[in-house]
Amino acid sequence: MEQAELLETLEQLPVAKQAEVLDFARFLVERARKDSVAPKTLRESSLAQWINQPLNVKDFQPLTREEANAR
């Protein structure tokens, strides 16, 4: 499809539909960009990073088994 044909077709649509087409085109570009990025290994995943470096919350005290069961 040539750009001129695409523009001619878009101009025939109402403005709201043109916005939908633009939004969809941006979605396709983003998806294509993500598909071109090499997939991470499990070791590089965010889950593995979280396991290796868990979030530390200052002054956090986990509930005891009894406290958790009481709730």
PDB file of N, CA and C in Angstrom:
ATOM      1  N   MET A   1       0.852  -1.164   0.000  1.00  0.00           N
ATOM      2  CA  MET A   1       0.000   0.000   0.000  1.00  0.00           C
ATOM      3  C   MET A   1       0.901   1.231   0.000  1.00  0.00           C
ATOM      4  N   GLU A   2       0.592   2.134  -0.873  1.00  0.00           N
ATOM      5  CA  GLU A   2       1.371   3.361  -0.957  1.00  0.00           C
ATOM      6  C   GLU A   2       0.872   4.371   0.061  1.00  0.00           C
ATOM      7  N   GLN A   3       1.744   5.283   0.452  1.00  0.00           N
ATOM      8  CA  GLN A   3       1.363   6.300   1.438  1.00  0.00           C
ATOM      9  C   GLN A   3       0.219   7.171   0.931  1.00  0.00           C
ATOM     10  N   ALA A   4       0.241   7.509  -0.352  1.00  0.00           N
ATOM     11  CA  ALA A   4      -0.813   8.358  -0.904  1.00  0.00           C
ATOM     12  C   ALA A   4      -2.166   7.661  -0.794  1.00  0.00           C
ATOM     13  N   GLU A   5      -2.199   6.362  -1.078  1.00  0.00           N
ATOM     14  CA  GLU A   5      -3.452   5.609  -0.975  1.00  0.00           C
ATOM     15  C   GLU A   5      -3.925   5.557   0.474  1.00  0.00           C
ATOM     16  N   LEU A   6      -2.982   5.358   1.388  1.00  0.00           N
ATOM     17  CA  LEU A   6      -3.325   5.317   2.805  1.00  0.00           C
ATOM     18  C   LEU A   6      -3.903   6.653   3.263  1.00  0.00           C
ATOM     19  N   LEU A   7      -3.252   7.750   2.894  1.00  0.00           N
ATOM     20  CA  LEU A   7      -3.733   9.069   3.284  1.00  0.00           C
ATOM     21  C   LEU A   7      -5.100   9.372   2.673  1.00  0.00           C
ATOM     22  N   GLU A   8      -5.284   8.999   1.429  1.00  0.00           N
ATOM     23  CA  GLU A   8      -6.571   9.225   0.755  1.00  0.00           C
ATOM     24  C   GLU A   8      -7.690   8.464   1.465  1.00  0.00           C
ATOM     25  N   THR A   9      -7.396   7.244   1.866  1.00  0.00           N
ATOM     26  CA  THR A   9      -8.389   6.434   2.565  1.00  0.00           C
ATOM     27  C   THR A   9      -8.694   7.020   3.935  1.00  0.00           C
ATOM     28  N   LEU A  10      -7.655   7.448   4.655  1.00  0.00           N
ATOM     29  CA  LEU A  10      -7.855   8.039   5.975  1.00  0.00           C
ATOM     30  C   LEU A  10      -8.681   9.308   5.916  1.00  0.00           C
ATOM     31  N   GLU A  11      -8.478  10.101   4.895  1.00  0.00           N
ATOM     32  CA  GLU A  11      -9.209  11.363   4.766  1.00  0.00           C
ATOM     33  C   GLU A  11     -10.713  11.134   4.574  1.00  0.00           C
ATOM     34  N   GLN A  12     -11.100   9.963   4.139  1.00  0.00           N
ATOM     35  CA  GLN A  12     -12.511   9.650   3.944  1.00  0.00           C
ATOM     36  C   GLN A  12     -13.209   9.279   5.252  1.00  0.00           C
ATOM     37  N   LEU A  13     -12.423   9.051   6.289  1.00  0.00           N
ATOM     38  CA  LEU A  13     -12.992   8.672   7.585  1.00  0.00           C
ATOM     39  C   LEU A  13     -13.302   9.904   8.424  1.00  0.00           C
ATOM     40  N   PRO A  14     -14.274   9.786   9.322  1.00  0.00           N
ATOM     41  CA  PRO A  14     -14.510  10.869  10.280  1.00  0.00           C
ATOM     42  C   PRO A  14     -13.286  11.024  11.193  1.00  0.00           C
ATOM     43  N   VAL A  15     -13.148  12.194  11.792  1.00  0.00           N
ATOM     44  CA  VAL A  15     -11.979  12.491  12.622  1.00  0.00           C
ATOM     45  C   VAL A  15     -11.817  11.475  13.756  1.00  0.00           C
ATOM     46  N   ALA A  16     -12.908  11.078  14.375  1.00  0.00           N
ATOM     47  CA  ALA A  16     -12.826  10.114  15.477  1.00  0.00           C
ATOM     48  C   ALA A  16     -12.252   8.783  14.995  1.00  0.00           C
ATOM     49  N   LYS A  17     -12.663   8.351  13.811  1.00  0.00           N
ATOM     50  CA  LYS A  17     -12.147   7.084  13.272  1.00  0.00           C
ATOM     51  C   LYS A  17     -10.686   7.231  12.859  1.00  0.00           C
ATOM     52  N   GLN A  18     -10.303   8.407  12.378  1.00  0.00           N
ATOM     53  CA  GLN A  18      -8.898   8.653  12.051  1.00  0.00           C
ATOM     54  C   GLN A  18      -8.038   8.508  13.309  1.00  0.00           C
ATOM     55  N   ALA A  19      -8.553   9.013  14.426  1.00  0.00           N
ATOM     56  CA  ALA A  19      -7.826   8.891  15.686  1.00  0.00           C
ATOM     57  C   ALA A  19      -7.681   7.427  16.097  1.00  0.00           C
ATOM     58  N   GLU A  20      -8.727   6.638  15.866  1.00  0.00           N
ATOM     59  CA  GLU A  20      -8.659   5.205  16.172  1.00  0.00           C
ATOM     60  C   GLU A  20      -7.604   4.509  15.322  1.00  0.00           C
ATOM     61  N   VAL A  21      -7.553   4.867  14.043  1.00  0.00           N
ATOM     62  CA  VAL A  21      -6.565   4.263  13.139  1.00  0.00           C
ATOM     63  C   VAL A  21      -5.158   4.627  13.593  1.00  0.00           C
ATOM     64  N   LEU A  22      -4.960   5.885  13.969  1.00  0.00           N
ATOM     65  CA  LEU A  22      -3.644   6.321  14.441  1.00  0.00           C
ATOM     66  C   LEU A  22      -3.264   5.580  15.713  1.00  0.00           C
ATOM     67  N   ASP A  23      -4.198   5.435  16.636  1.00  0.00           N
ATOM     68  CA  ASP A  23      -3.937   4.718  17.879  1.00  0.00           C
ATOM     69  C   ASP A  23      -3.570   3.264  17.596  1.00  0.00           C
ATOM     70  N   PHE A  24      -4.296   2.633  16.678  1.00  0.00           N
ATOM     71  CA  PHE A  24      -4.011   1.243  16.324  1.00  0.00           C
ATOM     72  C   PHE A  24      -2.643   1.118  15.659  1.00  0.00           C
ATOM     73  N   ALA A  25      -2.306   2.055  14.789  1.00  0.00           N
ATOM     74  CA  ALA A  25      -0.999   2.026  14.127  1.00  0.00           C
ATOM     75  C   ALA A  25       0.123   2.161  15.152  1.00  0.00           C
ATOM     76  N   ARG A  26      -0.064   3.033  16.118  1.00  0.00           N
ATOM     77  CA  ARG A  26       0.954   3.176  17.173  1.00  0.00           C
ATOM     78  C   ARG A  26       1.081   1.897  17.977  1.00  0.00           C
ATOM     79  N   PHE A  27      -0.045   1.244  18.248  1.00  0.00           N
ATOM     80  CA  PHE A  27      -0.023  -0.036  18.951  1.00  0.00           C
ATOM     81  C   PHE A  27       0.777  -1.074  18.159  1.00  0.00           C
ATOM     82  N   LEU A  28       0.540  -1.139  16.851  1.00  0.00           N
ATOM     83  CA  LEU A  28       1.265  -2.101  16.016  1.00  0.00           C
ATOM     84  C   LEU A  28       2.758  -1.819  15.998  1.00  0.00           C
ATOM     85  N   VAL A  29       3.129  -0.554  15.952  1.00  0.00           N
ATOM     86  CA  VAL A  29       4.554  -0.188  15.972  1.00  0.00           C
ATOM     87  C   VAL A  29       5.185  -0.620  17.289  1.00  0.00           C
ATOM     88  N   GLU A  30       4.501  -0.368  18.396  1.00  0.00           N
ATOM     89  CA  GLU A  30       5.031  -0.748  19.708  1.00  0.00           C
ATOM     90  C   GLU A  30       5.158  -2.263  19.835  1.00  0.00           C
ATOM     91  N   ARG A  31       4.149  -2.991  19.344  1.00  0.00           N
ATOM     92  CA  ARG A  31       4.199  -4.451  19.410  1.00  0.00           C
ATOM     93  C   ARG A  31       5.333  -4.993  18.545  1.00  0.00           C
ATOM     94  N   ALA A  32       5.542  -4.406  17.378  1.00  0.00           N
ATOM     95  CA  ALA A  32       6.634  -4.842  16.508  1.00  0.00           C
ATOM     96  C   ALA A  32       7.979  -4.571  17.164  1.00  0.00           C
ATOM     97  N   ARG A  33       8.076  -3.431  17.860  1.00  0.00           N
ATOM     98  CA  ARG A  33       9.322  -3.103  18.546  1.00  0.00           C
ATOM     99  C   ARG A  33       9.593  -4.110  19.659  1.00  0.00           C
ATOM    100  N   LYS A  34       8.568  -4.471  20.418  1.00  0.00           N
ATOM    101  CA  LYS A  34       8.736  -5.438  21.499  1.00  0.00           C
ATOM    102  C   LYS A  34       9.087  -6.818  20.955  1.00  0.00           C
ATOM    103  N   ASP A  35       8.500  -7.186  19.819  1.00  0.00           N
ATOM    104  CA  ASP A  35       8.772  -8.489  19.222  1.00  0.00           C
ATOM    105  C   ASP A  35      10.205  -8.585  18.719  1.00  0.00           C
ATOM    106  N   SER A  36      10.790  -7.442  18.350  1.00  0.00           N
ATOM    107  CA  SER A  36      12.141  -7.469  17.803  1.00  0.00           C
ATOM    108  C   SER A  36      13.204  -7.549  18.887  1.00  0.00           C
ATOM    109  N   VAL A  37      12.825  -7.248  20.138  1.00  0.00           N
ATOM    110  CA  VAL A  37      13.757  -7.325  21.252  1.00  0.00           C
ATOM    111  C   VAL A  37      13.900  -8.786  21.656  1.00  0.00           C
ATOM    112  N   ALA A  38      15.134  -9.221  21.852  1.00  0.00           N
ATOM    113  CA  ALA A  38      15.374 -10.611  22.220  1.00  0.00           C
ATOM    114  C   ALA A  38      14.725 -10.908  23.569  1.00  0.00           C
ATOM    115  N   PRO A  39      14.052 -12.040  23.697  1.00  0.00           N
ATOM    116  CA  PRO A  39      13.411 -12.377  24.968  1.00  0.00           C
ATOM    117  C   PRO A  39      14.445 -12.578  26.069  1.00  0.00           C
ATOM    118  N   LYS A  40      14.067 -12.212  27.277  1.00  0.00           N
ATOM    119  CA  LYS A  40      14.965 -12.376  28.411  1.00  0.00           C
ATOM    120  C   LYS A  40      14.983 -13.839  28.851  1.00  0.00           C
ATOM    121  N   THR A  41      16.107 -14.227  29.389  1.00  0.00           N
ATOM    122  CA  THR A  41      16.172 -15.547  29.994  1.00  0.00           C
ATOM    123  C   THR A  41      15.533 -15.454  31.370  1.00  0.00           C
ATOM    124  N   LEU A  42      15.233 -16.570  31.967  1.00  0.00           N
ATOM    125  CA  LEU A  42      14.625 -16.572  33.289  1.00  0.00           C
ATOM    126  C   LEU A  42      15.536 -15.861  34.285  1.00  0.00           C
ATOM    127  N   ARG A  43      16.833 -16.044  34.125  1.00  0.00           N
ATOM    128  CA  ARG A  43      17.798 -15.424  35.032  1.00  0.00           C
ATOM    129  C   ARG A  43      17.729 -13.902  34.960  1.00  0.00           C
ATOM    130  N   GLU A  44      17.371 -13.345  33.801  1.00  0.00           N
ATOM    131  CA  GLU A  44      17.301 -11.901  33.612  1.00  0.00           C
ATOM    132  C   GLU A  44      15.915 -11.339  33.892  1.00  0.00           C
ATOM    133  N   SER A  45      14.971 -12.188  34.187  1.00  0.00           N
ATOM    134  CA  SER A  45      13.590 -11.739  34.354  1.00  0.00           C
ATOM    135  C   SER A  45      13.427 -10.889  35.610  1.00  0.00           C
ATOM    136  N   SER A  46      12.349 -10.118  35.637  1.00  0.00           N
ATOM    137  CA  SER A  46      12.087  -9.278  36.804  1.00  0.00           C
ATOM    138  C   SER A  46      11.812 -10.129  38.039  1.00  0.00           C
ATOM    139  N   LEU A  47      11.229 -11.311  37.860  1.00  0.00           N
ATOM    140  CA  LEU A  47      10.981 -12.192  38.998  1.00  0.00           C
ATOM    141  C   LEU A  47      12.300 -12.624  39.631  1.00  0.00           C
ATOM    142  N   ALA A  48      13.261 -13.024  38.812  1.00  0.00           N
ATOM    143  CA  ALA A  48      14.559 -13.446  39.341  1.00  0.00           C
ATOM    144  C   ALA A  48      15.261 -12.284  40.031  1.00  0.00           C
ATOM    145  N   GLN A  49      15.154 -11.093  39.471  1.00  0.00           N
ATOM    146  CA  GLN A  49      15.768  -9.923  40.105  1.00  0.00           C
ATOM    147  C   GLN A  49      15.126  -9.670  41.463  1.00  0.00           C
ATOM    148  N   TRP A  50      13.812  -9.811  41.556  1.00  0.00           N
ATOM    149  CA  TRP A  50      13.126  -9.596  42.821  1.00  0.00           C
ATOM    150  C   TRP A  50      13.527 -10.650  43.849  1.00  0.00           C
ATOM    151  N   ILE A  51      13.672 -11.896  43.411  1.00  0.00           N
ATOM    152  CA  ILE A  51      14.079 -12.965  44.323  1.00  0.00           C
ATOM    153  C   ILE A  51      15.489 -12.710  44.837  1.00  0.00           C
ATOM    154  N   ASN A  52      16.368 -12.262  43.946  1.00  0.00           N
ATOM    155  CA  ASN A  52      17.757 -12.010  44.336  1.00  0.00           C
ATOM    156  C   ASN A  52      17.909 -10.754  45.181  1.00  0.00           C
ATOM    157  N   GLN A  53      17.053  -9.771  44.964  1.00  0.00           N
ATOM    158  CA  GLN A  53      17.121  -8.521  45.715  1.00  0.00           C
ATOM    159  C   GLN A  53      15.715  -8.140  46.169  1.00  0.00           C
ATOM    160  N   PRO A  54      15.214  -8.799  47.198  1.00  0.00           N
ATOM    161  CA  PRO A  54      13.834  -8.516  47.627  1.00  0.00           C
ATOM    162  C   PRO A  54      13.702  -7.087  48.156  1.00  0.00           C
ATOM    163  N   LEU A  55      12.504  -6.593  48.084  1.00  0.00           N
ATOM    164  CA  LEU A  55      12.198  -5.255  48.561  1.00  0.00           C
ATOM    165  C   LEU A  55      12.308  -5.222  50.084  1.00  0.00           C
ATOM    166  N   ASN A  56      13.056  -4.273  50.583  1.00  0.00           N
ATOM    167  CA  ASN A  56      13.189  -4.114  52.031  1.00  0.00           C
ATOM    168  C   ASN A  56      12.395  -2.897  52.463  1.00  0.00           C
ATOM    169  N   VAL A  57      11.519  -3.101  53.450  1.00  0.00           N
ATOM    170  CA  VAL A  57      10.704  -2.023  53.986  1.00  0.00           C
ATOM    171  C   VAL A  57      11.187  -1.747  55.396  1.00  0.00           C
ATOM    172  N   LYS A  58      11.575  -0.493  55.652  1.00  0.00           N
ATOM    173  CA  LYS A  58      12.106  -0.116  56.962  1.00  0.00           C
ATOM    174  C   LYS A  58      11.072  -0.390  58.054  1.00  0.00           C
ATOM    175  N   ASP A  59      11.520  -0.971  59.146  1.00  0.00           N
ATOM    176  CA  ASP A  59      10.708  -1.265  60.328  1.00  0.00           C
ATOM    177  C   ASP A  59       9.556  -2.225  60.048  1.00  0.00           C
ATOM    178  N   PHE A  60       9.663  -3.024  59.018  1.00  0.00           N
ATOM    179  CA  PHE A  60       8.616  -4.000  58.714  1.00  0.00           C
ATOM    180  C   PHE A  60       8.793  -5.219  59.604  1.00  0.00           C
ATOM    181  N   GLN A  61       7.709  -5.630  60.244  1.00  0.00           N
ATOM    182  CA  GLN A  61       7.710  -6.832  61.069  1.00  0.00           C
ATOM    183  C   GLN A  61       6.615  -7.756  60.557  1.00  0.00           C
ATOM    184  N   PRO A  62       6.976  -8.901  60.017  1.00  0.00           N
ATOM    185  CA  PRO A  62       5.927  -9.805  59.529  1.00  0.00           C
ATOM    186  C   PRO A  62       5.088 -10.335  60.686  1.00  0.00           C
ATOM    187  N   LEU A  63       3.858 -10.697  60.386  1.00  0.00           N
ATOM    188  CA  LEU A  63       2.972 -11.257  61.400  1.00  0.00           C
ATOM    189  C   LEU A  63       3.455 -12.638  61.803  1.00  0.00           C
ATOM    190  N   THR A  64       3.247 -12.967  63.048  1.00  0.00           N
ATOM    191  CA  THR A  64       3.527 -14.331  63.479  1.00  0.00           C
ATOM    192  C   THR A  64       2.410 -15.219  62.937  1.00  0.00           C
ATOM    193  N   ARG A  65       2.610 -16.492  62.990  1.00  0.00           N
ATOM    194  CA  ARG A  65       1.585 -17.434  62.518  1.00  0.00           C
ATOM    195  C   ARG A  65       0.282 -17.228  63.294  1.00  0.00           C
ATOM    196  N   GLU A  66       0.398 -17.006  64.596  1.00  0.00           N
ATOM    197  CA  GLU A  66      -0.787 -16.820  65.431  1.00  0.00           C
ATOM    198  C   GLU A  66      -1.520 -15.528  65.049  1.00  0.00           C
ATOM    199  N   GLU A  67      -0.772 -14.438  64.800  1.00  0.00           N
ATOM    200  CA  GLU A  67      -1.393 -13.176  64.423  1.00  0.00           C
ATOM    201  C   GLU A  67      -2.101 -13.306  63.064  1.00  0.00           C
ATOM    202  N   ALA A  68      -1.466 -13.992  62.153  1.00  0.00           N
ATOM    203  CA  ALA A  68      -2.063 -14.170  60.827  1.00  0.00           C
ATOM    204  C   ALA A  68      -3.326 -15.018  60.911  1.00  0.00           C
ATOM    205  N   ASN A  69      -3.293 -16.067  61.731  1.00  0.00           N
ATOM    206  CA  ASN A  69      -4.469 -16.938  61.880  1.00  0.00           C
ATOM    207  C   ASN A  69      -5.604 -16.230  62.604  1.00  0.00           C
ATOM    208  N   ALA A  70      -5.273 -15.293  63.486  1.00  0.00           N
ATOM    209  CA  ALA A  70      -6.304 -14.563  64.213  1.00  0.00           C
ATOM    210  C   ALA A  70      -7.062 -13.622  63.293  1.00  0.00           C
ATOM    211  N   ARG A  71      -6.459 -13.214  62.215  1.00  0.00           N
ATOM    212  CA  ARG A  71      -7.115 -12.302  61.287  1.00  0.00           C
ATOM    213  C   ARG A  71      -7.980 -13.102  60.379  1.00  0.00           C
TER     214      ARG A  71
END
